[in-house]
Amino acid sequence: MENFTNEQIEEIMNSTFAGLSLFYRDTNLSEQQLAVYQTGIILQEKAFTDASYRGGGLATKHRFLIASARAKNAAMFEHGTNWGLVIMNSGSFFKVLDIYTVQDKTQITLLHIPEEGVELFSKAKINIEDQIVARAREGFEQKLALPPIPELTTEEWLVRTKNPVGISADGEPWV
C-alpha cells in the first residue's frame, strides 16, 4: 500500500490478528437489514458491541461471528447470567468477511479492525481473511447440529444482542 510504511502495516496486522478469537452474537434481522451486509464492506458500530465467547446452536435466524483480538472479557461483571460476555468498544470498525446461509440460518462473519486499519482493509484482502472464513463456515455447520446454550436464549440476553452490528434498526449503515 502506497500510503503505509511496512512498519505501519505490521502494526495494523498485529493489532488485528494477534490473539484473534471468535465471538457469537445471535439475533433476528429483517430482510432489509440482512441485505446491507455485503462481503468486503466496512461498517462502524456506534454503540458498544456485546457478544459471547460461548458458541452453541442458534436460537435465532442470524448469527454475527465476530473475529476480534480486542474484545474485552466482561464475564467477571456478570451476576450469575453465565453469558460469557465480551464487549467491543463503541466506535469499533468491522469488515464483513462472509455471509453464509445453511438451510434457514445465516452467519455473518465480521473482522474487528482498528481505526487506523480501515483504509488498508478497504483496499486489500488479506489472505488470513480466507482462513477465518473457512474456519467460520466449518464451525457454523458444526454448531447448527448443537442445541442453543440456554443462557444465550434468555430474554435479557436476546434484548442485549437484538440490534444489528454497524447499521441502524432501519438498515442504514452508520458510516
N, C-alpha and C. Protein backbone atom coordinates (compact mmCIF):
# COMPACT_ATOMS: atom_id res chain seq x y z
N MET A 1 0.85 -1.18 0.00
CA MET A 1 0.00 0.00 0.00
C MET A 1 0.89 1.24 0.00
N GLU A 2 0.59 2.12 -0.89
CA GLU A 2 1.44 3.30 -1.05
C GLU A 2 1.37 4.26 0.13
N ASN A 3 0.26 4.28 0.87
CA ASN A 3 0.11 5.24 1.97
C ASN A 3 0.65 4.72 3.29
N PHE A 4 1.10 3.48 3.34
CA PHE A 4 1.52 2.87 4.59
C PHE A 4 2.97 2.42 4.49
N THR A 5 3.71 2.61 5.58
CA THR A 5 5.05 2.04 5.65
C THR A 5 4.91 0.57 6.05
N ASN A 6 5.96 -0.19 5.82
CA ASN A 6 5.94 -1.60 6.23
C ASN A 6 5.70 -1.72 7.73
N GLU A 7 6.27 -0.80 8.51
CA GLU A 7 6.09 -0.83 9.96
C GLU A 7 4.63 -0.57 10.33
N GLN A 8 3.99 0.36 9.63
CA GLN A 8 2.57 0.64 9.92
C GLN A 8 1.70 -0.56 9.57
N ILE A 9 1.98 -1.18 8.44
CA ILE A 9 1.21 -2.37 8.04
C ILE A 9 1.39 -3.48 9.08
N GLU A 10 2.63 -3.69 9.51
CA GLU A 10 2.89 -4.73 10.51
C GLU A 10 2.14 -4.43 11.82
N GLU A 11 2.13 -3.18 12.23
CA GLU A 11 1.43 -2.79 13.45
C GLU A 11 -0.08 -3.03 13.32
N ILE A 12 -0.65 -2.68 12.18
CA ILE A 12 -2.08 -2.90 11.94
C ILE A 12 -2.39 -4.40 11.93
N MET A 13 -1.55 -5.18 11.28
CA MET A 13 -1.77 -6.63 11.22
C MET A 13 -1.70 -7.24 12.63
N ASN A 14 -0.71 -6.83 13.41
CA ASN A 14 -0.58 -7.34 14.78
C ASN A 14 -1.78 -6.94 15.62
N SER A 15 -2.23 -5.70 15.48
CA SER A 15 -3.37 -5.21 16.24
C SER A 15 -4.65 -5.96 15.87
N THR A 16 -4.74 -6.39 14.62
CA THR A 16 -5.93 -7.07 14.13
C THR A 16 -5.91 -8.56 14.42
N PHE A 17 -4.77 -9.21 14.24
CA PHE A 17 -4.75 -10.67 14.23
C PHE A 17 -4.07 -11.33 15.43
N ALA A 18 -3.20 -10.64 16.17
CA ALA A 18 -2.52 -11.26 17.31
C ALA A 18 -3.53 -11.53 18.42
N GLY A 19 -3.71 -12.79 18.76
CA GLY A 19 -4.66 -13.16 19.80
C GLY A 19 -6.11 -13.19 19.34
N LEU A 20 -6.31 -13.33 18.04
CA LEU A 20 -7.66 -13.33 17.46
C LEU A 20 -8.51 -14.47 18.03
N SER A 21 -9.72 -14.15 18.44
CA SER A 21 -10.69 -15.13 18.93
C SER A 21 -12.03 -14.91 18.24
N LEU A 22 -12.89 -15.91 18.32
CA LEU A 22 -14.21 -15.82 17.70
C LEU A 22 -15.28 -15.65 18.77
N PHE A 23 -16.23 -14.73 18.50
CA PHE A 23 -17.29 -14.42 19.44
C PHE A 23 -18.64 -14.47 18.72
N TYR A 24 -19.69 -14.74 19.48
CA TYR A 24 -21.01 -15.03 18.92
C TYR A 24 -22.03 -14.00 19.38
N ARG A 25 -22.86 -13.57 18.44
CA ARG A 25 -23.94 -12.64 18.73
C ARG A 25 -25.11 -13.03 17.83
N ASP A 26 -26.12 -13.64 18.42
CA ASP A 26 -27.26 -14.14 17.65
C ASP A 26 -28.43 -13.16 17.73
N THR A 27 -29.14 -13.04 16.62
CA THR A 27 -30.25 -12.10 16.52
C THR A 27 -31.17 -12.53 15.38
N ASN A 28 -32.22 -11.79 15.19
CA ASN A 28 -33.10 -11.96 14.02
C ASN A 28 -33.10 -10.64 13.26
N LEU A 29 -32.60 -10.66 12.05
CA LEU A 29 -32.54 -9.47 11.21
C LEU A 29 -33.71 -9.46 10.24
N SER A 30 -34.11 -8.27 9.83
CA SER A 30 -35.09 -8.16 8.75
C SER A 30 -34.36 -8.39 7.43
N GLU A 31 -35.12 -8.65 6.38
CA GLU A 31 -34.51 -8.82 5.06
C GLU A 31 -33.77 -7.55 4.65
N GLN A 32 -34.33 -6.39 4.98
CA GLN A 32 -33.70 -5.11 4.67
C GLN A 32 -32.36 -4.97 5.40
N GLN A 33 -32.32 -5.35 6.66
CA GLN A 33 -31.07 -5.28 7.41
C GLN A 33 -30.05 -6.26 6.85
N LEU A 34 -30.46 -7.48 6.60
CA LEU A 34 -29.55 -8.51 6.09
C LEU A 34 -28.94 -8.09 4.75
N ALA A 35 -29.72 -7.42 3.92
CA ALA A 35 -29.25 -7.02 2.58
C ALA A 35 -28.11 -6.02 2.63
N VAL A 36 -27.96 -5.31 3.73
CA VAL A 36 -26.88 -4.32 3.86
C VAL A 36 -25.51 -5.00 3.91
N TYR A 37 -25.47 -6.18 4.50
CA TYR A 37 -24.19 -6.87 4.69
C TYR A 37 -23.72 -7.47 3.38
N GLN A 38 -22.64 -6.92 2.87
CA GLN A 38 -22.02 -7.37 1.63
C GLN A 38 -20.54 -7.63 1.91
N THR A 39 -20.04 -8.72 1.39
CA THR A 39 -18.64 -9.07 1.61
C THR A 39 -17.72 -7.92 1.18
N GLY A 40 -16.80 -7.57 2.07
CA GLY A 40 -15.79 -6.56 1.77
C GLY A 40 -16.09 -5.18 2.32
N ILE A 41 -17.35 -4.89 2.69
CA ILE A 41 -17.63 -3.54 3.20
C ILE A 41 -17.17 -3.42 4.64
N ILE A 42 -16.91 -2.18 5.03
CA ILE A 42 -16.50 -1.89 6.39
C ILE A 42 -17.58 -1.01 7.02
N LEU A 43 -18.00 -1.43 8.21
CA LEU A 43 -19.04 -0.72 8.94
C LEU A 43 -18.49 -0.29 10.29
N GLN A 44 -19.04 0.80 10.81
CA GLN A 44 -18.67 1.24 12.16
C GLN A 44 -19.90 1.11 13.05
N GLU A 45 -19.71 0.52 14.21
CA GLU A 45 -20.78 0.40 15.19
C GLU A 45 -20.66 1.55 16.18
N LYS A 46 -21.74 2.31 16.34
CA LYS A 46 -21.73 3.48 17.23
C LYS A 46 -21.81 3.09 18.70
N ALA A 47 -22.46 1.97 19.01
CA ALA A 47 -22.63 1.55 20.40
C ALA A 47 -21.58 0.50 20.78
N PHE A 48 -21.52 0.17 22.05
CA PHE A 48 -20.71 -0.96 22.47
C PHE A 48 -21.32 -2.21 21.86
N THR A 49 -20.49 -3.19 21.53
CA THR A 49 -20.96 -4.43 20.91
C THR A 49 -20.78 -5.57 21.89
N ASP A 50 -21.90 -6.13 22.34
CA ASP A 50 -21.87 -7.29 23.23
C ASP A 50 -21.87 -8.56 22.39
N ALA A 51 -21.11 -9.54 22.85
CA ALA A 51 -21.09 -10.86 22.22
C ALA A 51 -20.73 -11.86 23.31
N SER A 52 -20.64 -13.12 22.93
CA SER A 52 -20.32 -14.17 23.88
C SER A 52 -19.17 -15.02 23.36
N TYR A 53 -18.32 -15.49 24.29
CA TYR A 53 -17.29 -16.43 23.88
C TYR A 53 -17.84 -17.86 23.88
N ARG A 54 -19.10 -18.03 24.27
CA ARG A 54 -19.73 -19.35 24.29
C ARG A 54 -20.46 -19.58 22.97
N GLY A 55 -20.07 -20.61 22.25
CA GLY A 55 -20.68 -20.90 20.96
C GLY A 55 -21.47 -22.19 21.01
N GLY A 56 -22.72 -22.12 20.63
CA GLY A 56 -23.57 -23.31 20.57
C GLY A 56 -24.49 -23.20 19.38
N GLY A 57 -25.59 -23.93 19.43
CA GLY A 57 -26.57 -23.85 18.36
C GLY A 57 -27.27 -22.51 18.37
N LEU A 58 -28.02 -22.24 17.32
CA LEU A 58 -28.71 -20.96 17.19
C LEU A 58 -30.15 -21.07 17.65
N ALA A 59 -30.57 -20.07 18.42
CA ALA A 59 -31.97 -19.95 18.81
C ALA A 59 -32.65 -18.89 17.95
N THR A 60 -31.88 -18.26 17.07
CA THR A 60 -32.37 -17.19 16.20
C THR A 60 -32.05 -17.57 14.75
N LYS A 61 -32.42 -16.70 13.82
CA LYS A 61 -32.16 -16.98 12.40
C LYS A 61 -30.78 -16.51 11.93
N HIS A 62 -30.18 -15.55 12.66
CA HIS A 62 -28.94 -14.95 12.20
C HIS A 62 -27.89 -14.94 13.31
N ARG A 63 -26.65 -15.12 12.90
CA ARG A 63 -25.53 -15.07 13.84
C ARG A 63 -24.47 -14.15 13.27
N PHE A 64 -24.01 -13.24 14.13
CA PHE A 64 -22.79 -12.50 13.84
C PHE A 64 -21.66 -13.28 14.50
N LEU A 65 -20.70 -13.73 13.69
CA LEU A 65 -19.50 -14.33 14.22
C LEU A 65 -18.43 -13.25 14.10
N ILE A 66 -17.95 -12.78 15.22
CA ILE A 66 -17.01 -11.65 15.23
C ILE A 66 -15.62 -12.15 15.58
N ALA A 67 -14.70 -11.99 14.65
CA ALA A 67 -13.30 -12.32 14.88
C ALA A 67 -12.62 -11.06 15.41
N SER A 68 -12.15 -11.13 16.66
CA SER A 68 -11.59 -9.94 17.29
C SER A 68 -10.40 -10.30 18.16
N ALA A 69 -9.40 -9.44 18.12
CA ALA A 69 -8.26 -9.55 19.02
C ALA A 69 -8.36 -8.53 20.15
N ARG A 70 -9.41 -7.69 20.11
CA ARG A 70 -9.51 -6.61 21.08
C ARG A 70 -10.80 -6.59 21.89
N ALA A 71 -11.59 -7.66 21.81
CA ALA A 71 -12.79 -7.73 22.64
C ALA A 71 -12.36 -7.86 24.10
N LYS A 72 -13.07 -7.19 24.97
CA LYS A 72 -12.75 -7.21 26.40
C LYS A 72 -13.66 -8.22 27.10
N ASN A 73 -13.03 -9.13 27.83
CA ASN A 73 -13.80 -10.12 28.58
C ASN A 73 -14.47 -9.41 29.75
N ALA A 74 -15.79 -9.45 29.79
CA ALA A 74 -16.55 -8.79 30.85
C ALA A 74 -17.34 -9.80 31.67
N ALA A 75 -17.00 -11.08 31.55
CA ALA A 75 -17.73 -12.12 32.26
C ALA A 75 -17.67 -11.91 33.77
N MET A 76 -16.60 -11.29 34.26
CA MET A 76 -16.48 -11.09 35.70
C MET A 76 -17.52 -10.09 36.23
N PHE A 77 -18.16 -9.34 35.35
CA PHE A 77 -19.18 -8.39 35.76
C PHE A 77 -20.59 -8.98 35.68
N GLU A 78 -20.67 -10.20 35.19
CA GLU A 78 -21.97 -10.87 35.15
C GLU A 78 -22.33 -11.30 36.58
N HIS A 79 -23.60 -11.35 36.84
CA HIS A 79 -24.04 -11.78 38.16
C HIS A 79 -24.88 -13.04 38.01
N GLY A 80 -24.19 -14.15 37.71
CA GLY A 80 -24.85 -15.43 37.59
C GLY A 80 -25.53 -15.69 36.25
N THR A 81 -25.36 -14.77 35.28
CA THR A 81 -26.02 -14.97 33.99
C THR A 81 -25.31 -16.00 33.12
N ASN A 82 -23.99 -16.15 33.30
CA ASN A 82 -23.20 -17.14 32.58
C ASN A 82 -23.30 -16.99 31.06
N TRP A 83 -23.27 -15.73 30.59
CA TRP A 83 -23.33 -15.47 29.16
C TRP A 83 -21.99 -15.67 28.46
N GLY A 84 -20.89 -15.50 29.19
CA GLY A 84 -19.59 -15.46 28.54
C GLY A 84 -19.42 -14.11 27.85
N LEU A 85 -19.83 -13.05 28.53
CA LEU A 85 -19.90 -11.71 27.94
C LEU A 85 -18.54 -11.15 27.57
N VAL A 86 -18.45 -10.68 26.34
CA VAL A 86 -17.32 -9.86 25.89
C VAL A 86 -17.90 -8.59 25.28
N ILE A 87 -17.13 -7.52 25.35
CA ILE A 87 -17.60 -6.23 24.85
C ILE A 87 -16.53 -5.62 23.95
N MET A 88 -16.98 -5.07 22.82
CA MET A 88 -16.11 -4.30 21.95
C MET A 88 -16.52 -2.84 22.07
N ASN A 89 -15.53 -1.95 22.07
CA ASN A 89 -15.77 -0.53 22.30
C ASN A 89 -16.74 0.09 21.31
N SER A 90 -17.43 1.12 21.76
CA SER A 90 -18.25 1.91 20.83
C SER A 90 -17.31 2.54 19.81
N GLY A 91 -17.80 2.70 18.60
CA GLY A 91 -16.97 3.25 17.53
C GLY A 91 -16.11 2.22 16.83
N SER A 92 -16.27 0.94 17.17
CA SER A 92 -15.46 -0.11 16.55
C SER A 92 -15.81 -0.28 15.07
N PHE A 93 -14.79 -0.67 14.30
CA PHE A 93 -14.95 -0.92 12.88
C PHE A 93 -14.93 -2.43 12.62
N PHE A 94 -15.77 -2.86 11.67
CA PHE A 94 -15.88 -4.26 11.32
C PHE A 94 -15.89 -4.40 9.81
N LYS A 95 -15.09 -5.33 9.30
CA LYS A 95 -15.11 -5.67 7.88
C LYS A 95 -15.94 -6.93 7.71
N VAL A 96 -16.89 -6.91 6.79
CA VAL A 96 -17.72 -8.08 6.50
C VAL A 96 -16.88 -9.05 5.66
N LEU A 97 -16.58 -10.21 6.24
CA LEU A 97 -15.77 -11.20 5.53
C LEU A 97 -16.62 -12.21 4.76
N ASP A 98 -17.84 -12.50 5.28
CA ASP A 98 -18.61 -13.58 4.67
C ASP A 98 -20.06 -13.49 5.13
N ILE A 99 -20.96 -13.89 4.26
CA ILE A 99 -22.36 -14.11 4.58
C ILE A 99 -22.65 -15.53 4.12
N TYR A 100 -23.00 -16.40 5.05
CA TYR A 100 -23.10 -17.83 4.75
C TYR A 100 -24.44 -18.35 5.27
N THR A 101 -25.24 -18.92 4.38
CA THR A 101 -26.55 -19.43 4.75
C THR A 101 -26.60 -20.95 4.57
N VAL A 102 -27.07 -21.62 5.60
CA VAL A 102 -27.31 -23.07 5.57
C VAL A 102 -28.75 -23.26 6.01
N GLN A 103 -29.55 -23.87 5.14
CA GLN A 103 -30.99 -24.02 5.37
C GLN A 103 -31.59 -22.64 5.63
N ASP A 104 -32.16 -22.40 6.80
CA ASP A 104 -32.79 -21.10 7.06
C ASP A 104 -31.99 -20.26 8.06
N LYS A 105 -30.72 -20.61 8.28
CA LYS A 105 -29.86 -19.89 9.23
C LYS A 105 -28.72 -19.22 8.47
N THR A 106 -28.40 -18.00 8.87
CA THR A 106 -27.34 -17.23 8.19
C THR A 106 -26.32 -16.74 9.21
N GLN A 107 -25.06 -16.91 8.85
CA GLN A 107 -23.96 -16.39 9.66
C GLN A 107 -23.27 -15.27 8.89
N ILE A 108 -23.07 -14.15 9.57
CA ILE A 108 -22.33 -13.02 9.01
C ILE A 108 -21.01 -12.94 9.79
N THR A 109 -19.92 -13.16 9.08
CA THR A 109 -18.61 -13.14 9.73
C THR A 109 -18.02 -11.75 9.60
N LEU A 110 -17.68 -11.17 10.75
CA LEU A 110 -17.13 -9.82 10.82
C LEU A 110 -15.72 -9.88 11.39
N LEU A 111 -14.83 -9.07 10.84
CA LEU A 111 -13.48 -8.91 11.37
C LEU A 111 -13.39 -7.56 12.04
N HIS A 112 -13.08 -7.55 13.33
CA HIS A 112 -12.93 -6.33 14.12
C HIS A 112 -11.57 -5.72 13.77
N ILE A 113 -11.58 -4.54 13.18
CA ILE A 113 -10.32 -3.93 12.73
C ILE A 113 -10.08 -2.61 13.46
N PRO A 114 -8.80 -2.23 13.63
CA PRO A 114 -8.51 -0.96 14.28
C PRO A 114 -8.83 0.20 13.34
N GLU A 115 -9.15 1.35 13.92
CA GLU A 115 -9.49 2.52 13.11
C GLU A 115 -8.38 2.85 12.11
N GLU A 116 -7.13 2.73 12.55
CA GLU A 116 -6.02 3.05 11.65
C GLU A 116 -5.88 2.03 10.51
N GLY A 117 -6.61 0.92 10.59
CA GLY A 117 -6.56 -0.09 9.53
C GLY A 117 -7.71 -0.01 8.54
N VAL A 118 -8.64 0.92 8.74
CA VAL A 118 -9.82 0.99 7.86
C VAL A 118 -9.40 1.17 6.40
N GLU A 119 -8.53 2.10 6.13
CA GLU A 119 -8.11 2.34 4.74
C GLU A 119 -7.42 1.12 4.15
N LEU A 120 -6.54 0.51 4.91
CA LEU A 120 -5.82 -0.68 4.44
C LEU A 120 -6.78 -1.83 4.15
N PHE A 121 -7.68 -2.12 5.08
CA PHE A 121 -8.60 -3.23 4.90
C PHE A 121 -9.66 -2.95 3.83
N SER A 122 -9.92 -1.68 3.55
CA SER A 122 -10.89 -1.37 2.49
C SER A 122 -10.27 -1.54 1.10
N LYS A 123 -8.95 -1.47 1.01
CA LYS A 123 -8.27 -1.58 -0.28
C LYS A 123 -7.69 -2.96 -0.54
N ALA A 124 -7.50 -3.75 0.51
CA ALA A 124 -6.79 -5.01 0.35
C ALA A 124 -7.55 -6.14 1.01
N LYS A 125 -7.40 -7.32 0.44
CA LYS A 125 -7.90 -8.53 1.07
C LYS A 125 -6.68 -9.31 1.55
N ILE A 126 -6.63 -9.53 2.84
CA ILE A 126 -5.50 -10.22 3.45
C ILE A 126 -5.80 -11.72 3.41
N ASN A 127 -4.79 -12.55 3.09
CA ASN A 127 -5.05 -13.98 2.94
C ASN A 127 -5.56 -14.63 4.22
N ILE A 128 -5.26 -14.05 5.37
CA ILE A 128 -5.76 -14.58 6.64
C ILE A 128 -7.29 -14.51 6.67
N GLU A 129 -7.86 -13.55 5.95
CA GLU A 129 -9.33 -13.43 5.90
C GLU A 129 -9.96 -14.71 5.36
N ASP A 130 -9.35 -15.30 4.32
CA ASP A 130 -9.88 -16.54 3.75
C ASP A 130 -9.82 -17.68 4.77
N GLN A 131 -8.76 -17.71 5.57
CA GLN A 131 -8.63 -18.74 6.60
C GLN A 131 -9.71 -18.57 7.67
N ILE A 132 -10.00 -17.33 8.04
CA ILE A 132 -11.05 -17.06 9.02
C ILE A 132 -12.40 -17.53 8.47
N VAL A 133 -12.68 -17.22 7.21
CA VAL A 133 -13.95 -17.60 6.59
C VAL A 133 -14.08 -19.13 6.55
N ALA A 134 -13.03 -19.83 6.18
CA ALA A 134 -13.09 -21.29 6.11
C ALA A 134 -13.38 -21.87 7.50
N ARG A 135 -12.70 -21.36 8.49
CA ARG A 135 -12.90 -21.83 9.87
C ARG A 135 -14.32 -21.47 10.35
N ALA A 136 -14.77 -20.27 10.01
CA ALA A 136 -16.10 -19.82 10.43
C ALA A 136 -17.19 -20.69 9.83
N ARG A 137 -17.07 -21.00 8.55
CA ARG A 137 -18.09 -21.82 7.89
C ARG A 137 -18.12 -23.23 8.48
N GLU A 138 -16.96 -23.81 8.70
CA GLU A 138 -16.88 -25.14 9.27
C GLU A 138 -17.51 -25.15 10.67
N GLY A 139 -17.17 -24.16 11.48
CA GLY A 139 -17.73 -24.06 12.82
C GLY A 139 -19.24 -23.87 12.81
N PHE A 140 -19.72 -23.07 11.87
CA PHE A 140 -21.16 -22.81 11.76
C PHE A 140 -21.91 -24.10 11.45
N GLU A 141 -21.40 -24.85 10.49
CA GLU A 141 -22.04 -26.11 10.13
C GLU A 141 -22.09 -27.07 11.32
N GLN A 142 -21.00 -27.12 12.10
CA GLN A 142 -20.97 -27.99 13.27
C GLN A 142 -21.95 -27.51 14.35
N LYS A 143 -22.00 -26.22 14.57
CA LYS A 143 -22.85 -25.68 15.63
C LYS A 143 -24.34 -25.76 15.30
N LEU A 144 -24.68 -25.83 14.02
CA LEU A 144 -26.09 -25.97 13.65
C LEU A 144 -26.68 -27.27 14.19
N ALA A 145 -25.84 -28.26 14.41
CA ALA A 145 -26.31 -29.55 14.92
C ALA A 145 -26.43 -29.55 16.45
N LEU A 146 -25.94 -28.49 17.10
CA LEU A 146 -25.96 -28.42 18.56
C LEU A 146 -27.19 -27.68 19.06
N PRO A 147 -27.60 -27.96 20.29
CA PRO A 147 -28.69 -27.17 20.87
C PRO A 147 -28.16 -25.79 21.25
N PRO A 148 -29.04 -24.78 21.30
CA PRO A 148 -28.62 -23.46 21.78
C PRO A 148 -28.18 -23.54 23.24
N ILE A 149 -27.27 -22.67 23.62
CA ILE A 149 -26.85 -22.56 25.02
C ILE A 149 -27.98 -21.86 25.78
N PRO A 150 -28.55 -22.50 26.79
CA PRO A 150 -29.73 -21.95 27.46
C PRO A 150 -29.56 -20.50 27.93
N GLU A 151 -28.41 -20.15 28.48
CA GLU A 151 -28.19 -18.79 28.97
C GLU A 151 -28.23 -17.75 27.85
N LEU A 152 -27.95 -18.19 26.62
CA LEU A 152 -27.95 -17.28 25.47
C LEU A 152 -29.29 -17.27 24.75
N THR A 153 -30.30 -17.87 25.37
CA THR A 153 -31.65 -17.81 24.82
C THR A 153 -32.59 -17.03 25.74
N THR A 154 -32.04 -16.46 26.82
CA THR A 154 -32.89 -15.71 27.75
C THR A 154 -33.32 -14.39 27.12
N GLU A 155 -34.44 -13.89 27.56
CA GLU A 155 -34.94 -12.63 27.03
C GLU A 155 -33.94 -11.50 27.26
N GLU A 156 -33.32 -11.50 28.44
CA GLU A 156 -32.35 -10.44 28.76
C GLU A 156 -31.18 -10.44 27.77
N TRP A 157 -30.64 -11.62 27.45
CA TRP A 157 -29.52 -11.70 26.51
C TRP A 157 -29.97 -11.31 25.09
N LEU A 158 -31.11 -11.83 24.68
CA LEU A 158 -31.59 -11.55 23.32
C LEU A 158 -31.91 -10.08 23.12
N VAL A 159 -32.34 -9.39 24.17
CA VAL A 159 -32.55 -7.93 24.08
C VAL A 159 -31.21 -7.22 23.92
N ARG A 160 -30.19 -7.68 24.64
CA ARG A 160 -28.84 -7.08 24.55
C ARG A 160 -28.25 -7.21 23.15
N THR A 161 -28.61 -8.29 22.46
CA THR A 161 -27.96 -8.59 21.18
C THR A 161 -28.91 -8.48 19.99
N LYS A 162 -30.06 -7.86 20.16
CA LYS A 162 -31.05 -7.83 19.07
C LYS A 162 -30.67 -6.87 17.94
N ASN A 163 -29.92 -5.82 18.25
CA ASN A 163 -29.59 -4.83 17.22
C ASN A 163 -28.54 -5.35 16.26
N PRO A 164 -28.66 -4.98 15.00
CA PRO A 164 -27.62 -5.36 14.03
C PRO A 164 -26.32 -4.64 14.36
N VAL A 165 -25.21 -5.13 13.83
CA VAL A 165 -23.90 -4.52 14.07
C VAL A 165 -23.55 -3.62 12.89
N GLY A 166 -23.27 -2.36 13.17
CA GLY A 166 -22.78 -1.43 12.15
C GLY A 166 -23.87 -0.76 11.31
N ILE A 167 -25.13 -1.06 11.61
CA ILE A 167 -26.23 -0.43 10.88
C ILE A 167 -27.33 -0.05 11.86
N SER A 168 -28.16 0.87 11.45
CA SER A 168 -29.30 1.27 12.28
C SER A 168 -30.39 0.22 12.21
N ALA A 169 -31.38 0.34 13.07
CA ALA A 169 -32.51 -0.59 13.04
C ALA A 169 -33.25 -0.53 11.70
N ASP A 170 -33.13 0.61 11.00
CA ASP A 170 -33.76 0.77 9.69
C ASP A 170 -32.92 0.17 8.56
N GLY A 171 -31.73 -0.34 8.90
CA GLY A 171 -30.88 -0.96 7.88
C GLY A 171 -29.95 0.01 7.18
N GLU A 172 -29.74 1.17 7.79
CA GLU A 172 -28.83 2.16 7.18
C GLU A 172 -27.45 2.05 7.84
N PRO A 173 -26.39 1.94 7.05
CA PRO A 173 -25.04 1.91 7.64
C PRO A 173 -24.75 3.21 8.40
N TRP A 174 -24.03 3.07 9.53
CA TRP A 174 -23.66 4.25 10.32
C TRP A 174 -22.62 5.08 9.59
N VAL A 175 -21.78 4.44 8.78
CA VAL A 175 -20.70 5.18 8.11
C VAL A 175 -21.11 5.53 6.69
